[in-house]
Amino acid sequence: MSADLSVDDLKALVRTVPDFPHRGIQFRDITTLLSHPQGFAASVRHLARFASEAGAQKIAGMEARGFIFGAAVAVELGIGFLPVRKPGKLPVEIIGIDYDLEYGQDRLEIDPGAVNPGETIVIVDDLIATGGTARATAQLLRKAGAEVGHAVFVIDLPDLGGADTLRAADVAVHALMHFDGE
């Protein structure tokens, strides 16, 4: 196996789409990173290193792109993966949390039986923007009895303040790359 691609190499694989979904937004599209086999694999290895250093016993990822990276990181580390779902997707008794979005509310749900009391769970997702979903995920996992002290992202958009939102909730944030602006 060849050496991992550098973070700069990985950042170059992320496509920027101007004015999507609205004028003035610089959309960071990971499709190009995911379709590059060495880039995707290197991203997973970098994320797994952060999660391992955080003592991950399980990985949680939010629907939908958190499933892609989170499940791959869990496989890389040889540990379990816990999907954090949108409402109505789980066929068992669930616990959930409602949280505020910029314009409205949303809800996340998990199977509480998938969390062992005191288990260290690291959150993995593709991108942190405002941090609302990640913060709600941390709260939900803690409600289920998990220890949640770290979240790992491929991309941080620091101008939107999401990492600070998570840090205020006692969750350390690690990101492979940062893009200034929205």
C-alpha atoms as a PDB file:
ATOM      1  CA  MET A   1       0.000   0.000   0.000  1.00  0.00           C
ATOM      2  CA  SER A   2       1.335   3.421  -0.904  1.00  0.00           C
ATOM      3  CA  ALA A   3       1.816   6.223   1.590  1.00  0.00           C
ATOM      4  CA  ASP A   4      -1.256   8.187   2.628  1.00  0.00           C
ATOM      5  CA  LEU A   5      -2.117  11.275   0.684  1.00  0.00           C
ATOM      6  CA  SER A   6      -1.448  14.478   2.583  1.00  0.00           C
ATOM      7  CA  VAL A   7      -4.254  16.670   3.884  1.00  0.00           C
ATOM      8  CA  ASP A   8      -3.384  19.182   1.129  1.00  0.00           C
ATOM      9  CA  ASP A   9      -3.766  16.392  -1.448  1.00  0.00           C
ATOM     10  CA  LEU A  10      -7.164  15.515   0.046  1.00  0.00           C
ATOM     11  CA  LYS A  11      -8.288  19.131   0.144  1.00  0.00           C
ATOM     12  CA  ALA A  12      -7.506  19.413  -3.569  1.00  0.00           C
ATOM     13  CA  LEU A  13      -9.948  16.536  -4.188  1.00  0.00           C
ATOM     14  CA  VAL A  14     -12.890  18.488  -2.704  1.00  0.00           C
ATOM     15  CA  ARG A  15     -14.816  20.315  -5.415  1.00  0.00           C
ATOM     16  CA  THR A  16     -16.105  23.827  -4.701  1.00  0.00           C
ATOM     17  CA  VAL A  17     -19.413  24.656  -6.363  1.00  0.00           C
ATOM     18  CA  PRO A  18     -20.127  28.404  -6.311  1.00  0.00           C
ATOM     19  CA  ASP A  19     -23.614  29.760  -5.606  1.00  0.00           C
ATOM     20  CA  PHE A  20     -25.114  26.442  -4.432  1.00  0.00           C
ATOM     21  CA  PRO A  21     -27.666  26.068  -2.973  1.00  0.00           C
ATOM     22  CA  HIS A  22     -27.970  29.871  -2.883  1.00  0.00           C
ATOM     23  CA  ARG A  23     -26.090  32.787  -4.363  1.00  0.00           C
ATOM     24  CA  GLY A  24     -22.967  33.590  -2.326  1.00  0.00           C
ATOM     25  CA  ILE A  25     -22.559  30.070  -0.905  1.00  0.00           C
ATOM     26  CA  GLN A  26     -19.406  28.117  -1.740  1.00  0.00           C
ATOM     27  CA  PHE A  27     -20.625  24.496  -1.534  1.00  0.00           C
ATOM     28  CA  ARG A  28     -17.879  22.010  -0.606  1.00  0.00           C
ATOM     29  CA  ASP A  29     -18.709  18.854  -2.541  1.00  0.00           C
ATOM     30  CA  ILE A  30     -17.114  15.646  -1.239  1.00  0.00           C
ATOM     31  CA  THR A  31     -18.381  13.563  -4.176  1.00  0.00           C
ATOM     32  CA  THR A  32     -15.049  14.036  -5.907  1.00  0.00           C
ATOM     33  CA  LEU A  33     -13.181  12.898  -2.786  1.00  0.00           C
ATOM     34  CA  LEU A  34     -15.413   9.841  -2.350  1.00  0.00           C
ATOM     35  CA  SER A  35     -14.970   8.799  -5.982  1.00  0.00           C
ATOM     36  CA  HIS A  36     -11.173   8.929  -5.705  1.00  0.00           C
ATOM     37  CA  PRO A  37     -10.248   5.525  -4.189  1.00  0.00           C
ATOM     38  CA  GLN A  38      -6.905   6.574  -2.704  1.00  0.00           C
ATOM     39  CA  GLY A  39      -8.341   9.867  -1.470  1.00  0.00           C
ATOM     40  CA  PHE A  40     -11.343   8.224   0.192  1.00  0.00           C
ATOM     41  CA  ALA A  41      -9.155   5.548   1.798  1.00  0.00           C
ATOM     42  CA  ALA A  42      -6.629   8.125   3.037  1.00  0.00           C
ATOM     43  CA  SER A  43      -9.434  10.272   4.472  1.00  0.00           C
ATOM     44  CA  VAL A  44     -10.772   7.289   6.394  1.00  0.00           C
ATOM     45  CA  ARG A  45      -7.306   6.454   7.750  1.00  0.00           C
ATOM     46  CA  HIS A  46      -6.750  10.052   8.887  1.00  0.00           C
ATOM     47  CA  LEU A  47     -10.169  10.156  10.585  1.00  0.00           C
ATOM     48  CA  ALA A  48      -9.551   6.756  12.190  1.00  0.00           C
ATOM     49  CA  ARG A  49      -6.284   8.002  13.673  1.00  0.00           C
ATOM     50  CA  PHE A  50      -8.109  10.898  15.375  1.00  0.00           C
ATOM     51  CA  ALA A  51     -10.864   8.569  16.624  1.00  0.00           C
ATOM     52  CA  SER A  52      -8.358   6.028  17.921  1.00  0.00           C
ATOM     53  CA  GLU A  53      -6.402   8.707  19.781  1.00  0.00           C
ATOM     54  CA  ALA A  54      -9.718   9.773  21.362  1.00  0.00           C
ATOM     55  CA  GLY A  55     -10.220   6.236  22.713  1.00  0.00           C
ATOM     56  CA  ALA A  56     -13.186   5.352  20.510  1.00  0.00           C
ATOM     57  CA  GLN A  57     -14.990   2.169  21.492  1.00  0.00           C
ATOM     58  CA  LYS A  58     -17.711   2.840  18.928  1.00  0.00           C
ATOM     59  CA  ILE A  59     -18.304   5.339  16.123  1.00  0.00           C
ATOM     60  CA  ALA A  60     -21.547   7.256  15.608  1.00  0.00           C
ATOM     61  CA  GLY A  61     -22.440   8.888  12.311  1.00  0.00           C
ATOM     62  CA  MET A  62     -25.397  11.000  11.341  1.00  0.00           C
ATOM     63  CA  GLU A  63     -27.598  10.302   8.361  1.00  0.00           C
ATOM     64  CA  ALA A  64     -26.587  10.451   5.591  1.00  0.00           C
ATOM     65  CA  ARG A  65     -22.967  11.338   4.829  1.00  0.00           C
ATOM     66  CA  GLY A  66     -21.910  10.509   8.385  1.00  0.00           C
ATOM     67  CA  PHE A  67     -22.882   6.940   7.522  1.00  0.00           C
ATOM     68  CA  ILE A  68     -20.334   6.885   4.696  1.00  0.00           C
ATOM     69  CA  PHE A  69     -17.351   8.087   6.693  1.00  0.00           C
ATOM     70  CA  GLY A  70     -18.430   6.782  10.109  1.00  0.00           C
ATOM     71  CA  ALA A  71     -18.992   3.205   8.979  1.00  0.00           C
ATOM     72  CA  ALA A  72     -15.685   3.185   7.106  1.00  0.00           C
ATOM     73  CA  VAL A  73     -13.828   4.521  10.165  1.00  0.00           C
ATOM     74  CA  ALA A  74     -15.466   1.881  12.366  1.00  0.00           C
ATOM     75  CA  VAL A  75     -14.347  -0.864   9.974  1.00  0.00           C
ATOM     76  CA  GLU A  76     -10.816   0.607   9.862  1.00  0.00           C
ATOM     77  CA  LEU A  77     -10.681   0.494  13.680  1.00  0.00           C
ATOM     78  CA  GLY A  78     -12.419  -2.873  14.058  1.00  0.00           C
ATOM     79  CA  ILE A  79     -15.189  -1.411  16.260  1.00  0.00           C
ATOM     80  CA  GLY A  80     -18.941  -0.994  15.999  1.00  0.00           C
ATOM     81  CA  PHE A  81     -20.887   1.709  14.199  1.00  0.00           C
ATOM     82  CA  LEU A  82     -24.024   3.386  15.543  1.00  0.00           C
ATOM     83  CA  PRO A  83     -26.259   5.101  12.968  1.00  0.00           C
ATOM     84  CA  VAL A  84     -27.934   8.299  14.150  1.00  0.00           C
ATOM     85  CA  ARG A  85     -31.170   8.341  12.167  1.00  0.00           C
ATOM     86  CA  LYS A  86     -33.801  10.712  10.927  1.00  0.00           C
ATOM     87  CA  PRO A  87     -37.255  10.170  12.489  1.00  0.00           C
ATOM     88  CA  GLY A  88     -39.224   7.028  11.779  1.00  0.00           C
ATOM     89  CA  LYS A  89     -36.379   4.916  10.374  1.00  0.00           C
ATOM     90  CA  LEU A  90     -35.784   2.515  13.273  1.00  0.00           C
ATOM     91  CA  PRO A  91     -38.066  -0.512  13.851  1.00  0.00           C
ATOM     92  CA  VAL A  92     -37.394  -0.688  17.599  1.00  0.00           C
ATOM     93  CA  GLU A  93     -38.090   1.471  20.618  1.00  0.00           C
ATOM     94  CA  ILE A  94     -35.994   4.611  20.240  1.00  0.00           C
ATOM     95  CA  ILE A  95     -34.853   7.665  22.079  1.00  0.00           C
ATOM     96  CA  GLY A  96     -34.738  10.947  20.240  1.00  0.00           C
ATOM     97  CA  ILE A  97     -33.912  14.597  20.475  1.00  0.00           C
ATOM     98  CA  ASP A  98     -35.468  17.609  18.788  1.00  0.00           C
ATOM     99  CA  TYR A  99     -33.124  20.439  17.882  1.00  0.00           C
ATOM    100  CA  ASP A 100     -33.251  23.812  16.195  1.00  0.00           C
ATOM    101  CA  LEU A 101     -32.158  24.488  12.664  1.00  0.00           C
ATOM    102  CA  GLU A 102     -31.575  27.903  11.170  1.00  0.00           C
ATOM    103  CA  TYR A 103     -35.193  27.854   9.914  1.00  0.00           C
ATOM    104  CA  GLY A 104     -37.210  25.323  11.890  1.00  0.00           C
ATOM    105  CA  GLN A 105     -36.599  22.135  13.803  1.00  0.00           C
ATOM    106  CA  ASP A 106     -35.407  18.612  13.149  1.00  0.00           C
ATOM    107  CA  ARG A 107     -35.118  15.368  15.085  1.00  0.00           C
ATOM    108  CA  LEU A 108     -32.547  12.607  15.517  1.00  0.00           C
ATOM    109  CA  GLU A 109     -33.170   9.107  16.876  1.00  0.00           C
ATOM    110  CA  ILE A 110     -31.120   6.105  17.972  1.00  0.00           C
ATOM    111  CA  ASP A 111     -31.665   2.613  19.321  1.00  0.00           C
ATOM    112  CA  PRO A 112     -30.602   3.042  22.962  1.00  0.00           C
ATOM    113  CA  GLY A 113     -29.788  -0.680  23.134  1.00  0.00           C
ATOM    114  CA  ALA A 114     -26.853  -0.020  20.807  1.00  0.00           C
ATOM    115  CA  VAL A 115     -25.098   2.042  23.501  1.00  0.00           C
ATOM    116  CA  ASN A 116     -23.318   0.399  26.420  1.00  0.00           C
ATOM    117  CA  PRO A 117     -23.307   2.543  29.593  1.00  0.00           C
ATOM    118  CA  GLY A 118     -20.081   4.528  29.837  1.00  0.00           C
ATOM    119  CA  GLU A 119     -18.965   3.555  26.338  1.00  0.00           C
ATOM    120  CA  THR A 120     -16.700   6.070  24.589  1.00  0.00           C
ATOM    121  CA  ILE A 121     -18.355   7.030  21.310  1.00  0.00           C
ATOM    122  CA  VAL A 122     -16.708   9.340  18.788  1.00  0.00           C
ATOM    123  CA  ILE A 123     -18.917  11.227  16.325  1.00  0.00           C
ATOM    124  CA  VAL A 124     -17.794  11.148  12.680  1.00  0.00           C
ATOM    125  CA  ASP A 125     -19.293  13.253   9.888  1.00  0.00           C
ATOM    126  CA  ASP A 126     -18.279  14.737   6.576  1.00  0.00           C
ATOM    127  CA  LEU A 127     -18.669  18.407   7.465  1.00  0.00           C
ATOM    128  CA  ILE A 128     -19.292  20.735  10.387  1.00  0.00           C
ATOM    129  CA  ALA A 129     -21.018  24.012   9.587  1.00  0.00           C
ATOM    130  CA  THR A 130     -23.180  25.490  12.359  1.00  0.00           C
ATOM    131  CA  GLY A 131     -22.774  22.441  14.620  1.00  0.00           C
ATOM    132  CA  GLY A 132     -26.462  21.991  15.435  1.00  0.00           C
ATOM    133  CA  THR A 133     -26.749  18.398  14.271  1.00  0.00           C
ATOM    134  CA  ALA A 134     -23.454  17.338  15.853  1.00  0.00           C
ATOM    135  CA  ARG A 135     -24.354  18.985  19.150  1.00  0.00           C
ATOM    136  CA  ALA A 136     -27.762  17.272  19.167  1.00  0.00           C
ATOM    137  CA  THR A 137     -26.027  13.964  18.399  1.00  0.00           C
ATOM    138  CA  ALA A 138     -23.692  14.395  21.371  1.00  0.00           C
ATOM    139  CA  GLN A 139     -26.654  15.199  23.636  1.00  0.00           C
ATOM    140  CA  LEU A 140     -28.588  12.184  22.370  1.00  0.00           C
ATOM    141  CA  LEU A 141     -25.669   9.784  22.838  1.00  0.00           C
ATOM    142  CA  ARG A 142     -25.072  11.124  26.339  1.00  0.00           C
ATOM    143  CA  LYS A 143     -28.774  10.660  27.113  1.00  0.00           C
ATOM    144  CA  ALA A 144     -28.290   6.996  26.157  1.00  0.00           C
ATOM    145  CA  GLY A 145     -25.359   6.683  28.584  1.00  0.00           C
ATOM    146  CA  ALA A 146     -22.364   7.167  26.290  1.00  0.00           C
ATOM    147  CA  GLU A 147     -19.245   9.197  26.999  1.00  0.00           C
ATOM    148  CA  VAL A 148     -18.938  11.686  24.125  1.00  0.00           C
ATOM    149  CA  GLY A 149     -15.892  13.922  24.199  1.00  0.00           C
ATOM    150  CA  HIS A 150     -14.732  13.998  20.564  1.00  0.00           C
ATOM    151  CA  ALA A 151     -16.113  14.605  17.098  1.00  0.00           C
ATOM    152  CA  VAL A 152     -14.174  14.134  13.877  1.00  0.00           C
ATOM    153  CA  PHE A 153     -14.971  15.742  10.535  1.00  0.00           C
ATOM    154  CA  VAL A 154     -13.521  15.724   7.056  1.00  0.00           C
ATOM    155  CA  ILE A 155     -14.294  19.449   6.592  1.00  0.00           C
ATOM    156  CA  ASP A 156     -14.735  22.344   9.016  1.00  0.00           C
ATOM    157  CA  LEU A 157     -16.271  25.627   7.872  1.00  0.00           C
ATOM    158  CA  PRO A 158     -14.899  27.721  10.755  1.00  0.00           C
ATOM    159  CA  ASP A 159     -16.682  30.936   9.747  1.00  0.00           C
ATOM    160  CA  LEU A 160     -20.022  29.270  10.614  1.00  0.00           C
ATOM    161  CA  GLY A 161     -18.973  28.566  14.222  1.00  0.00           C
ATOM    162  CA  GLY A 162     -19.920  24.902  14.491  1.00  0.00           C
ATOM    163  CA  ALA A 163     -16.665  23.792  16.080  1.00  0.00           C
ATOM    164  CA  ASP A 164     -17.073  26.461  18.761  1.00  0.00           C
ATOM    165  CA  THR A 165     -20.651  25.279  19.361  1.00  0.00           C
ATOM    166  CA  LEU A 166     -19.383  21.750  19.966  1.00  0.00           C
ATOM    167  CA  ARG A 167     -16.509  22.875  22.158  1.00  0.00           C
ATOM    168  CA  ALA A 168     -19.051  24.778  24.296  1.00  0.00           C
ATOM    169  CA  ALA A 169     -20.811  21.421  24.749  1.00  0.00           C
ATOM    170  CA  ASP A 170     -17.530  19.823  25.965  1.00  0.00           C
ATOM    171  CA  VAL A 171     -16.834  18.040  22.679  1.00  0.00           C
ATOM    172  CA  ALA A 172     -13.329  18.374  21.210  1.00  0.00           C
ATOM    173  CA  VAL A 173     -13.339  18.900  17.452  1.00  0.00           C
ATOM    174  CA  HIS A 174     -10.872  17.481  14.944  1.00  0.00           C
ATOM    175  CA  ALA A 175     -11.113  18.193  11.213  1.00  0.00           C
ATOM    176  CA  LEU A 176      -8.915  17.088   8.340  1.00  0.00           C
ATOM    177  CA  MET A 177      -9.337  20.334   6.467  1.00  0.00           C
ATOM    178  CA  HIS A 178     -10.774  23.830   6.822  1.00  0.00           C
ATOM    179  CA  PHE A 179     -12.379  26.068   4.243  1.00  0.00           C
ATOM    180  CA  ASP A 180     -12.862  29.726   5.056  1.00  0.00           C
ATOM    181  CA  GLY A 181     -16.096  31.412   3.994  1.00  0.00           C
ATOM    182  CA  GLU A 182     -19.538  29.876   3.702  1.00  0.00           C
END
